[in-house]
Amino acid sequence: MFQPDAESAPVDARRTQQDERLRDLLRRLAGCDQPFWTERLAEVTPDDVDGVDDLAALPFTAKPDLRATYPFGMLAVPRDATVRAHASSGTSGKPTVVAYTARDVEIFAEVVARSIACAGGRRSDVLHVAYGYGLFTGGLGLHYGGERLGATVIPASGGNTDLQLTLLADLGADGLACTPSFAMLLAERAEADDLQDLRVRYLICGAEPWSGGFRDRLEDAWSALTDRRVVARDIYGLSEVIGPGVAMECVEAPGALHVFDDHFLPEIIDPHRGTVLPDGERGELVLTTLTKQAQPVVRYRTGDVTRLTHGACACGRTHPRIDRLSGRTDDMLVVRGVNVFPREIEAALLEHQQLNGNWALVLDHRSTLLRLEVHAEVHGSHVDPQLAAVLAQRLTSRLRVSSVVVVHPAGTLPRTAVGKVQRVHHRYEDAHPLGLPD
């Protein structure tokens, strides 16, 4: 552990700390003289909230609030008290801008350092960071976290696959931090080039959806390259909260992520009614930033679907855990009246060992009834002519919706070397969105 006193603290002691930090947060918001917070908390005073048990009395915040107050209308400190700002890509309009004080940057580094340690990182490591640097929080987040841990950080950023592999081998990277799709692309290229000098032992992957099946493919690919067992662990975060480092899978118990709830207080709510759900029930993740100074959020609706559990973990951490995300409330596809999450499709596909982990969906809108195309690749160049029918039957049984499955040789589907992979494509014209013939 990076901070064992905090990460393995008794649950009762942490609850007392959470109560104190929540009360302090509300006092700061009530006194910041910011119109947004004055209006949002008009019906709640700090005295109304004694601690975490009263959290449901507070109103929600959400991404539209950041857009409506662009750029700095949700600040809880004077703008000149901030030292950095990050922003989303702004694909739905203006970007969402998030500011940080110097203390916020320190906390950001601390929780990412905890996350790297969760994956097995050590201060003696070389950490290769291939997330994009810039307004996106991934590159700088892992960079500062790696330095805080004490590792030697290689700020490779994204793209330039050949140079990435050269640096990974020549500088002796122990850890690789990047999107899961880019980690797979690097593994494919390293195998094709017969690269022999890799010593990577752990991957820290996030920023895009990936399933347990994809993890298995990724670990197998990198283990074959290094002649050791390589683990791939999921890091979770969002810029509106702080960036990566909100939650992390540990080496000992993959499948769920420790939420660092001394900083980020989690709840699970019914996404339709807004009511809090008990432990173990699946719903929308809501987060409150207990320690963030510049731009805290209260009961922030992430849109991510998961469930929350408490209890002991084999790693010794006492933080609650969230399941790996099963989808988002806003990425659910409705195909002929059936609700489908892309991650459910990936999970079903990657149970089949012939597939190599690269896949894409095409929603064809050119006819009255929406048609779902599922494209996937096999290992190598030979495609079993029966495989598409087997996969189509599996998807129909699992998802209760029919699809057209097309299986391709390895290397057919587009790869993403920079940014997040795009799995879902829409077709309105004759040109195929994946550049494939009909």
Protein backbone atom coordinates (compact mmCIF):
# COMPACT_ATOMS: atom_id res chain seq x y z
CA MET A 1 0.00 0.00 0.00
CA PHE A 2 1.12 3.56 -0.63
CA GLN A 3 -0.65 5.06 2.42
CA PRO A 4 -1.45 2.09 4.67
CA ASP A 5 -2.75 4.20 7.57
CA ALA A 6 -5.43 5.68 5.30
CA GLU A 7 -6.09 2.67 3.07
CA SER A 8 -6.44 0.11 5.88
CA ALA A 9 -8.04 2.41 8.47
CA PRO A 10 -10.85 0.92 10.58
CA VAL A 11 -14.22 1.56 8.97
CA ASP A 12 -15.58 3.35 12.06
CA ALA A 13 -12.59 5.71 12.15
CA ARG A 14 -13.02 6.50 8.47
CA ARG A 15 -16.74 7.18 8.96
CA THR A 16 -15.91 9.74 11.65
CA GLN A 17 -13.46 11.36 9.23
CA GLN A 18 -16.06 11.36 6.44
CA ASP A 19 -18.64 13.03 8.71
CA GLU A 20 -16.15 15.77 9.59
CA ARG A 21 -15.09 16.31 6.00
CA LEU A 22 -18.69 16.43 4.75
CA ARG A 23 -19.61 19.07 7.32
CA ASP A 24 -16.50 21.07 6.40
CA LEU A 25 -17.39 20.82 2.69
CA LEU A 26 -20.87 22.23 3.28
CA ARG A 27 -19.51 25.06 5.40
CA ARG A 28 -17.07 25.96 2.63
CA LEU A 29 -19.78 25.91 -0.02
CA ALA A 30 -22.15 27.96 2.11
CA GLY A 31 -19.47 30.60 2.65
CA CYS A 32 -17.96 30.76 -0.86
CA ASP A 33 -20.41 33.42 -2.13
CA GLN A 34 -20.82 31.60 -5.45
CA PRO A 35 -24.29 32.06 -7.03
CA PHE A 36 -24.43 28.44 -8.20
CA TRP A 37 -23.90 27.04 -4.70
CA THR A 38 -26.06 29.68 -3.03
CA GLU A 39 -28.96 28.63 -5.23
CA ARG A 40 -28.31 24.89 -5.19
CA LEU A 41 -28.04 24.72 -1.39
CA ALA A 42 -30.78 27.28 -0.69
CA GLU A 43 -32.94 24.73 1.11
CA VAL A 44 -30.10 23.10 3.06
CA THR A 45 -27.86 24.62 5.71
CA PRO A 46 -24.66 23.05 7.08
CA ASP A 47 -26.50 22.49 10.37
CA ASP A 48 -29.00 20.23 8.58
CA VAL A 49 -26.29 17.68 7.82
CA ASP A 50 -24.58 16.00 10.75
CA GLY A 51 -22.73 13.47 8.62
CA VAL A 52 -22.90 10.81 5.95
CA ASP A 53 -26.25 9.47 7.18
CA ASP A 54 -27.82 12.78 6.11
CA LEU A 55 -26.30 12.78 2.63
CA ALA A 56 -29.62 12.06 0.90
CA ALA A 57 -30.91 15.45 2.08
CA LEU A 58 -28.49 17.15 -0.31
CA PRO A 59 -29.31 17.90 -3.96
CA PHE A 60 -27.60 16.20 -6.89
CA THR A 61 -25.13 17.82 -9.27
CA ALA A 62 -24.49 16.61 -12.82
CA LYS A 63 -22.51 17.39 -15.97
CA PRO A 64 -25.11 19.88 -17.30
CA ASP A 65 -24.37 22.03 -14.23
CA LEU A 66 -20.73 22.38 -15.32
CA ARG A 67 -21.77 23.27 -18.85
CA ALA A 68 -24.37 25.77 -17.66
CA THR A 69 -21.81 27.53 -15.45
CA TYR A 70 -18.95 27.41 -18.01
CA PRO A 71 -16.13 28.04 -17.41
CA PHE A 72 -15.70 28.71 -13.67
CA GLY A 73 -19.20 29.15 -12.27
CA MET A 74 -18.88 26.22 -9.84
CA LEU A 75 -15.66 27.36 -8.21
CA ALA A 76 -15.67 27.37 -4.42
CA VAL A 77 -12.46 29.43 -4.21
CA PRO A 78 -11.34 32.64 -5.94
CA ARG A 79 -10.07 31.91 -9.45
CA ASP A 80 -6.59 33.19 -8.56
CA ALA A 81 -6.35 30.48 -5.89
CA THR A 82 -6.31 27.82 -8.62
CA VAL A 83 -3.14 26.47 -10.24
CA ARG A 84 -4.49 24.25 -13.03
CA ALA A 85 -7.54 23.49 -15.13
CA HIS A 86 -8.41 20.40 -17.14
CA ALA A 87 -11.31 20.01 -19.54
CA SER A 88 -13.34 17.36 -21.32
CA SER A 89 -13.34 17.06 -25.10
CA GLY A 90 -16.58 19.01 -25.45
CA THR A 91 -18.12 16.68 -28.06
CA SER A 92 -21.61 17.77 -26.98
CA GLY A 93 -20.90 21.50 -27.00
CA LYS A 94 -18.54 23.50 -24.84
CA PRO A 95 -16.09 21.48 -22.78
CA THR A 96 -16.56 20.97 -19.06
CA VAL A 97 -13.75 22.83 -17.31
CA VAL A 98 -12.49 21.65 -13.91
CA ALA A 99 -10.05 23.69 -11.81
CA TYR A 100 -7.57 22.60 -9.12
CA THR A 101 -5.82 24.29 -6.22
CA ALA A 102 -2.29 23.25 -5.29
CA ARG A 103 -3.75 20.99 -2.59
CA ASP A 104 -6.13 19.43 -5.14
CA VAL A 105 -3.14 18.55 -7.32
CA GLU A 106 -1.44 16.96 -4.30
CA ILE A 107 -4.53 14.85 -3.54
CA PHE A 108 -4.77 13.90 -7.21
CA ALA A 109 -1.20 12.63 -7.12
CA GLU A 110 -1.78 10.77 -3.84
CA VAL A 111 -4.84 8.81 -5.00
CA VAL A 112 -3.15 7.90 -8.30
CA ALA A 113 -0.06 6.75 -6.38
CA ARG A 114 -2.38 4.56 -4.30
CA SER A 115 -3.85 3.21 -7.54
CA ILE A 116 -0.46 2.33 -9.03
CA ALA A 117 0.44 0.51 -5.80
CA CYS A 118 -2.87 -1.37 -6.04
CA ALA A 119 -1.74 -2.74 -9.40
CA GLY A 120 1.58 -3.85 -7.91
CA GLY A 121 3.62 -0.73 -8.65
CA ARG A 122 6.67 0.08 -6.55
CA ARG A 123 8.84 3.15 -6.04
CA SER A 124 11.74 1.36 -7.76
CA ASP A 125 9.73 0.91 -10.98
CA VAL A 126 9.92 2.53 -14.38
CA LEU A 127 6.36 3.58 -15.29
CA HIS A 128 5.61 4.20 -18.97
CA VAL A 129 2.62 6.58 -19.31
CA ALA A 130 0.98 6.35 -22.73
CA TYR A 131 -2.21 8.24 -21.90
CA GLY A 132 -2.59 11.53 -23.73
CA TYR A 133 -1.10 14.60 -22.08
CA GLY A 134 -2.97 17.92 -22.13
CA LEU A 135 -6.50 18.90 -21.15
CA PHE A 136 -7.37 15.21 -20.68
CA THR A 137 -6.62 14.22 -17.08
CA GLY A 138 -5.15 10.79 -17.87
CA GLY A 139 -1.57 11.60 -18.85
CA LEU A 140 -0.75 14.16 -16.17
CA GLY A 141 -2.75 12.22 -13.57
CA LEU A 142 -0.69 9.04 -13.99
CA HIS A 143 2.47 11.12 -14.38
CA TYR A 144 2.08 12.96 -11.08
CA GLY A 145 0.89 9.80 -9.35
CA GLY A 146 3.91 7.85 -10.56
CA GLU A 147 6.28 10.54 -9.35
CA ARG A 148 4.45 10.71 -6.01
CA LEU A 149 4.93 6.97 -5.62
CA GLY A 150 8.64 7.47 -6.32
CA ALA A 151 8.78 5.70 -9.69
CA THR A 152 10.73 6.85 -12.74
CA VAL A 153 8.03 8.13 -15.11
CA ILE A 154 8.34 8.05 -18.90
CA PRO A 155 5.90 10.67 -20.32
CA ALA A 156 5.39 8.92 -23.67
CA SER A 157 1.83 10.19 -24.29
CA GLY A 158 -0.23 8.50 -27.03
CA GLY A 159 0.47 7.48 -30.61
CA ASN A 160 3.77 6.63 -32.35
CA THR A 161 3.58 2.91 -31.69
CA ASP A 162 7.11 2.08 -32.89
CA LEU A 163 8.69 4.65 -30.56
CA GLN A 164 6.52 3.45 -27.67
CA LEU A 165 7.80 -0.10 -28.07
CA THR A 166 11.40 1.08 -28.35
CA LEU A 167 11.06 3.06 -25.12
CA LEU A 168 9.29 0.21 -23.33
CA ALA A 169 12.15 -2.14 -24.16
CA ASP A 170 15.15 0.17 -23.90
CA LEU A 171 14.12 1.97 -20.69
CA GLY A 172 12.94 -1.24 -19.02
CA ALA A 173 9.35 -0.31 -18.14
CA ASP A 174 7.88 -2.31 -15.27
CA GLY A 175 4.43 -0.73 -15.63
CA LEU A 176 2.43 0.51 -18.61
CA ALA A 177 -0.43 2.99 -18.17
CA CYS A 178 -2.70 3.51 -21.19
CA THR A 179 -6.13 2.68 -22.57
CA PRO A 180 -6.86 -1.06 -22.86
CA SER A 181 -7.24 -0.80 -26.63
CA PHE A 182 -3.81 0.83 -26.99
CA ALA A 183 -2.26 -1.78 -24.69
CA MET A 184 -3.63 -4.46 -27.03
CA LEU A 185 -2.35 -2.60 -30.10
CA LEU A 186 1.13 -2.41 -28.55
CA ALA A 187 1.03 -6.14 -27.75
CA GLU A 188 0.02 -6.98 -31.33
CA ARG A 189 2.80 -4.84 -32.76
CA ALA A 190 5.38 -6.23 -30.34
CA GLU A 191 4.41 -9.79 -31.28
CA ALA A 192 4.59 -8.97 -35.01
CA ASP A 193 8.06 -7.42 -34.52
CA ASP A 194 9.20 -10.35 -32.35
CA LEU A 195 10.25 -7.93 -29.62
CA GLN A 196 12.21 -9.82 -26.97
CA ASP A 197 13.31 -7.28 -24.36
CA LEU A 198 10.09 -6.34 -22.55
CA ARG A 199 9.92 -6.65 -18.75
CA VAL A 200 6.45 -5.18 -18.09
CA ARG A 201 4.67 -6.87 -15.20
CA TYR A 202 1.50 -4.74 -14.80
CA LEU A 203 -0.87 -2.67 -16.93
CA ILE A 204 -2.98 0.21 -15.59
CA CYS A 205 -5.86 0.60 -18.01
CA GLY A 206 -8.82 2.94 -18.04
CA ALA A 207 -10.54 5.81 -19.86
CA GLU A 208 -12.66 3.48 -22.00
CA PRO A 209 -14.95 0.47 -21.39
CA TRP A 210 -13.41 -3.00 -21.26
CA SER A 211 -14.69 -6.31 -20.00
CA GLY A 212 -13.24 -9.16 -18.01
CA GLY A 213 -12.88 -11.10 -21.24
CA PHE A 214 -10.79 -8.35 -22.77
CA ARG A 215 -8.64 -8.34 -19.62
CA ASP A 216 -7.95 -12.06 -20.11
CA ARG A 217 -6.86 -11.46 -23.73
CA LEU A 218 -4.68 -8.53 -22.68
CA GLU A 219 -2.97 -10.39 -19.84
CA ASP A 220 -2.35 -13.43 -22.04
CA ALA A 221 -0.89 -11.30 -24.84
CA TRP A 222 1.52 -9.43 -22.55
CA SER A 223 2.42 -12.53 -20.55
CA ALA A 224 3.44 -14.25 -23.80
CA LEU A 225 5.66 -11.28 -24.67
CA THR A 226 7.44 -11.11 -21.32
CA ASP A 227 7.57 -14.77 -20.20
CA ARG A 228 6.04 -13.74 -16.87
CA ARG A 229 2.50 -13.32 -15.60
CA VAL A 230 1.40 -9.76 -16.42
CA VAL A 231 -1.65 -8.36 -14.63
CA ALA A 232 -3.99 -5.74 -16.10
CA ARG A 233 -5.95 -3.64 -13.62
CA ASP A 234 -8.76 -1.15 -14.11
CA ILE A 235 -8.39 2.45 -12.94
CA TYR A 236 -11.52 4.58 -12.64
CA GLY A 237 -12.05 8.29 -12.51
CA LEU A 238 -13.66 11.24 -14.22
CA SER A 239 -12.42 14.77 -14.66
CA GLU A 240 -15.49 16.30 -13.01
CA VAL A 241 -14.49 14.57 -9.76
CA ILE A 242 -10.69 14.75 -10.02
CA GLY A 243 -9.52 12.46 -12.86
CA PRO A 244 -8.17 8.89 -12.64
CA GLY A 245 -7.61 7.61 -9.13
CA VAL A 246 -11.16 7.70 -7.78
CA ALA A 247 -11.14 3.89 -7.62
CA MET A 248 -8.75 1.07 -8.52
CA GLU A 249 -8.63 -2.71 -8.79
CA CYS A 250 -6.05 -4.41 -6.61
CA VAL A 251 -3.82 -7.30 -7.62
CA GLU A 252 -5.33 -9.66 -5.07
CA ALA A 253 -9.05 -9.35 -5.94
CA PRO A 254 -9.74 -8.21 -9.51
CA GLY A 255 -13.33 -7.65 -10.57
CA ALA A 256 -14.08 -4.82 -8.15
CA LEU A 257 -12.41 -1.46 -7.57
CA HIS A 258 -11.56 0.12 -4.23
CA VAL A 259 -13.17 3.57 -3.95
CA PHE A 260 -10.90 5.90 -1.99
CA ASP A 261 -13.80 7.06 0.13
CA ASP A 262 -11.75 9.23 2.47
CA HIS A 263 -11.77 11.61 -0.53
CA PHE A 264 -14.68 10.45 -2.73
CA LEU A 265 -17.87 9.40 -0.97
CA PRO A 266 -19.83 6.87 -3.08
CA GLU A 267 -23.55 6.12 -3.29
CA ILE A 268 -25.61 3.97 -5.64
CA ILE A 269 -28.98 5.36 -6.68
CA ASP A 270 -31.90 4.26 -8.79
CA PRO A 271 -31.21 6.29 -11.97
CA HIS A 272 -34.91 6.94 -12.57
CA ARG A 273 -36.18 7.75 -9.06
CA GLY A 274 -32.98 9.10 -7.50
CA THR A 275 -33.42 6.98 -4.39
CA VAL A 276 -30.41 5.42 -2.64
CA LEU A 277 -30.05 1.68 -3.18
CA PRO A 278 -28.67 -0.75 -0.59
CA ASP A 279 -25.36 -2.59 -0.86
CA GLY A 280 -25.23 -5.07 -3.71
CA GLU A 281 -27.96 -3.54 -5.88
CA ARG A 282 -26.99 -2.24 -9.29
CA GLY A 283 -27.63 1.38 -10.14
CA GLU A 284 -25.97 4.71 -10.95
CA LEU A 285 -22.79 5.70 -9.14
CA VAL A 286 -22.95 9.07 -7.33
CA LEU A 287 -19.84 10.71 -5.84
CA THR A 288 -19.24 13.57 -3.39
CA THR A 289 -15.75 15.09 -3.24
CA LEU A 290 -14.97 15.43 0.45
CA THR A 291 -11.59 17.14 0.16
CA LYS A 292 -11.47 18.92 -3.18
CA GLN A 293 -11.06 22.67 -2.73
CA ALA A 294 -11.37 24.46 -6.06
CA GLN A 295 -14.35 22.78 -7.64
CA PRO A 296 -16.00 20.25 -5.36
CA VAL A 297 -19.13 18.39 -6.40
CA VAL A 298 -21.98 17.23 -4.18
CA ARG A 299 -23.75 13.98 -5.03
CA TYR A 300 -22.44 14.07 -8.58
CA ARG A 301 -24.34 11.76 -10.93
CA THR A 302 -21.62 9.98 -12.90
CA GLY A 303 -23.94 8.10 -15.26
CA ASP A 304 -21.89 4.94 -14.63
CA VAL A 305 -23.77 1.74 -13.77
CA THR A 306 -22.31 -0.49 -11.07
CA ARG A 307 -22.97 -1.73 -7.54
CA LEU A 308 -21.30 -0.99 -4.21
CA THR A 309 -20.16 -3.51 -1.62
CA HIS A 310 -18.46 -3.22 1.75
CA GLY A 311 -16.34 -5.77 3.55
CA ALA A 312 -12.83 -7.09 3.91
CA CYS A 313 -10.53 -7.57 0.92
CA ALA A 314 -7.59 -9.94 0.67
CA CYS A 315 -5.30 -6.97 0.01
CA GLY A 316 -6.06 -5.47 3.45
CA ARG A 317 -7.67 -2.27 2.17
CA THR A 318 -10.88 -1.34 3.96
CA HIS A 319 -12.37 0.95 1.32
CA PRO A 320 -15.71 -0.09 -0.18
CA ARG A 321 -15.60 -1.51 -3.69
CA ILE A 322 -17.56 -0.99 -6.87
CA ASP A 323 -17.99 -3.67 -9.51
CA ARG A 324 -16.31 -3.01 -12.81
CA LEU A 325 -18.74 -0.83 -14.72
CA SER A 326 -21.44 -2.66 -16.65
CA GLY A 327 -22.36 0.38 -18.73
CA ARG A 328 -23.53 3.96 -18.61
CA THR A 329 -27.01 5.29 -18.28
CA ASP A 330 -26.37 7.27 -21.48
CA ASP A 331 -24.62 4.62 -23.63
CA MET A 332 -27.39 2.05 -23.46
CA LEU A 333 -28.50 1.06 -26.95
CA VAL A 334 -32.15 0.38 -27.71
CA VAL A 335 -32.32 -2.17 -30.51
CA ARG A 336 -35.88 -2.97 -31.58
CA GLY A 337 -37.16 -2.28 -28.08
CA VAL A 338 -34.44 -4.22 -26.23
CA ASN A 339 -31.94 -2.42 -23.95
CA VAL A 340 -28.35 -3.43 -24.72
CA PHE A 341 -25.06 -2.26 -23.20
CA PRO A 342 -22.00 -2.53 -25.47
CA ARG A 343 -20.02 -4.06 -22.61
CA GLU A 344 -22.49 -6.93 -22.45
CA ILE A 345 -21.78 -7.65 -26.11
CA GLU A 346 -18.02 -7.59 -25.50
CA ALA A 347 -18.35 -9.93 -22.54
CA ALA A 348 -20.34 -12.43 -24.62
CA LEU A 349 -17.95 -12.23 -27.57
CA LEU A 350 -14.75 -12.67 -25.63
CA GLU A 351 -15.88 -15.88 -24.00
CA HIS A 352 -14.88 -17.40 -27.34
CA GLN A 353 -11.16 -18.17 -27.42
CA GLN A 354 -10.79 -17.75 -31.19
CA LEU A 355 -11.42 -13.99 -30.91
CA ASN A 356 -8.52 -11.63 -30.30
CA GLY A 357 -10.34 -8.80 -28.46
CA ASN A 358 -10.89 -6.33 -31.31
CA TRP A 359 -14.55 -5.69 -32.06
CA ALA A 360 -16.97 -2.99 -33.13
CA LEU A 361 -20.72 -2.43 -33.42
CA VAL A 362 -22.52 -0.80 -36.33
CA LEU A 363 -26.10 0.36 -35.92
CA ASP A 364 -27.55 0.47 -39.42
CA HIS A 365 -30.37 3.05 -39.60
CA ARG A 366 -30.99 2.81 -43.37
CA SER A 367 -34.15 0.69 -43.11
CA THR A 368 -37.30 0.91 -41.03
CA LEU A 369 -36.03 -1.63 -38.49
CA LEU A 370 -32.67 -0.89 -36.90
CA ARG A 371 -30.08 -3.54 -37.74
CA LEU A 372 -27.25 -4.41 -35.35
CA GLU A 373 -23.98 -5.51 -36.91
CA VAL A 374 -21.32 -7.04 -34.69
CA HIS A 375 -17.80 -7.18 -36.12
CA ALA A 376 -15.01 -9.15 -34.45
CA GLU A 377 -11.54 -10.43 -35.27
CA VAL A 378 -9.89 -13.81 -34.75
CA HIS A 379 -6.27 -14.56 -33.96
CA GLY A 380 -4.37 -14.92 -37.22
CA SER A 381 -5.68 -14.99 -40.77
CA HIS A 382 -7.96 -18.05 -40.84
CA VAL A 383 -11.66 -17.56 -40.05
CA ASP A 384 -13.80 -20.59 -39.20
CA PRO A 385 -16.82 -20.30 -41.53
CA GLN A 386 -19.14 -21.53 -38.73
CA LEU A 387 -17.95 -19.06 -36.12
CA ALA A 388 -20.21 -16.15 -37.10
CA ALA A 389 -23.34 -18.29 -36.71
CA VAL A 390 -22.16 -19.58 -33.31
CA LEU A 391 -21.55 -16.05 -32.07
CA ALA A 392 -24.87 -14.78 -33.43
CA GLN A 393 -26.72 -17.52 -31.57
CA ARG A 394 -24.82 -16.73 -28.38
CA LEU A 395 -25.65 -13.02 -28.61
CA THR A 396 -29.32 -13.71 -29.32
CA SER A 397 -29.54 -16.02 -26.32
CA ARG A 398 -27.66 -13.61 -24.02
CA LEU A 399 -29.10 -10.27 -25.13
CA ARG A 400 -32.53 -11.27 -26.50
CA VAL A 401 -31.89 -9.34 -29.70
CA SER A 402 -30.82 -10.66 -33.09
CA SER A 403 -27.69 -9.35 -34.81
CA VAL A 404 -25.63 -9.84 -37.92
CA VAL A 405 -22.19 -11.10 -36.90
CA VAL A 406 -19.21 -10.70 -39.21
CA VAL A 407 -15.89 -12.31 -38.27
CA HIS A 408 -12.68 -10.97 -39.79
CA PRO A 409 -9.00 -11.95 -39.91
CA ALA A 410 -6.71 -10.17 -37.45
CA GLY A 411 -5.85 -6.61 -38.43
CA THR A 412 -9.05 -5.89 -40.38
CA LEU A 413 -10.80 -3.48 -38.01
CA PRO A 414 -9.51 0.06 -37.38
CA ARG A 415 -7.05 0.55 -34.50
CA THR A 416 -6.82 3.56 -32.16
CA ALA A 417 -3.34 4.79 -31.27
CA VAL A 418 -4.40 8.13 -29.78
CA GLY A 419 -7.40 8.76 -27.53
CA LYS A 420 -10.27 6.47 -26.67
CA VAL A 421 -11.35 3.62 -28.91
CA GLN A 422 -14.72 3.98 -30.63
CA ARG A 423 -16.71 0.77 -30.39
CA VAL A 424 -20.17 1.96 -31.51
CA HIS A 425 -20.71 3.35 -35.01
CA HIS A 426 -23.88 4.54 -36.73
CA ARG A 427 -24.62 4.05 -40.42
CA TYR A 428 -26.97 6.39 -42.25
CA GLU A 429 -25.33 6.43 -45.70
CA ASP A 430 -24.05 3.75 -48.07
CA ALA A 431 -20.41 4.16 -47.02
CA HIS A 432 -19.57 1.69 -44.27
CA PRO A 433 -18.37 3.51 -41.11
CA LEU A 434 -15.61 0.94 -40.58
CA GLY A 435 -14.36 1.27 -44.15
CA LEU A 436 -15.43 -2.31 -44.92
CA PRO A 437 -17.13 -3.61 -48.09
CA ASP A 438 -20.77 -4.67 -47.74
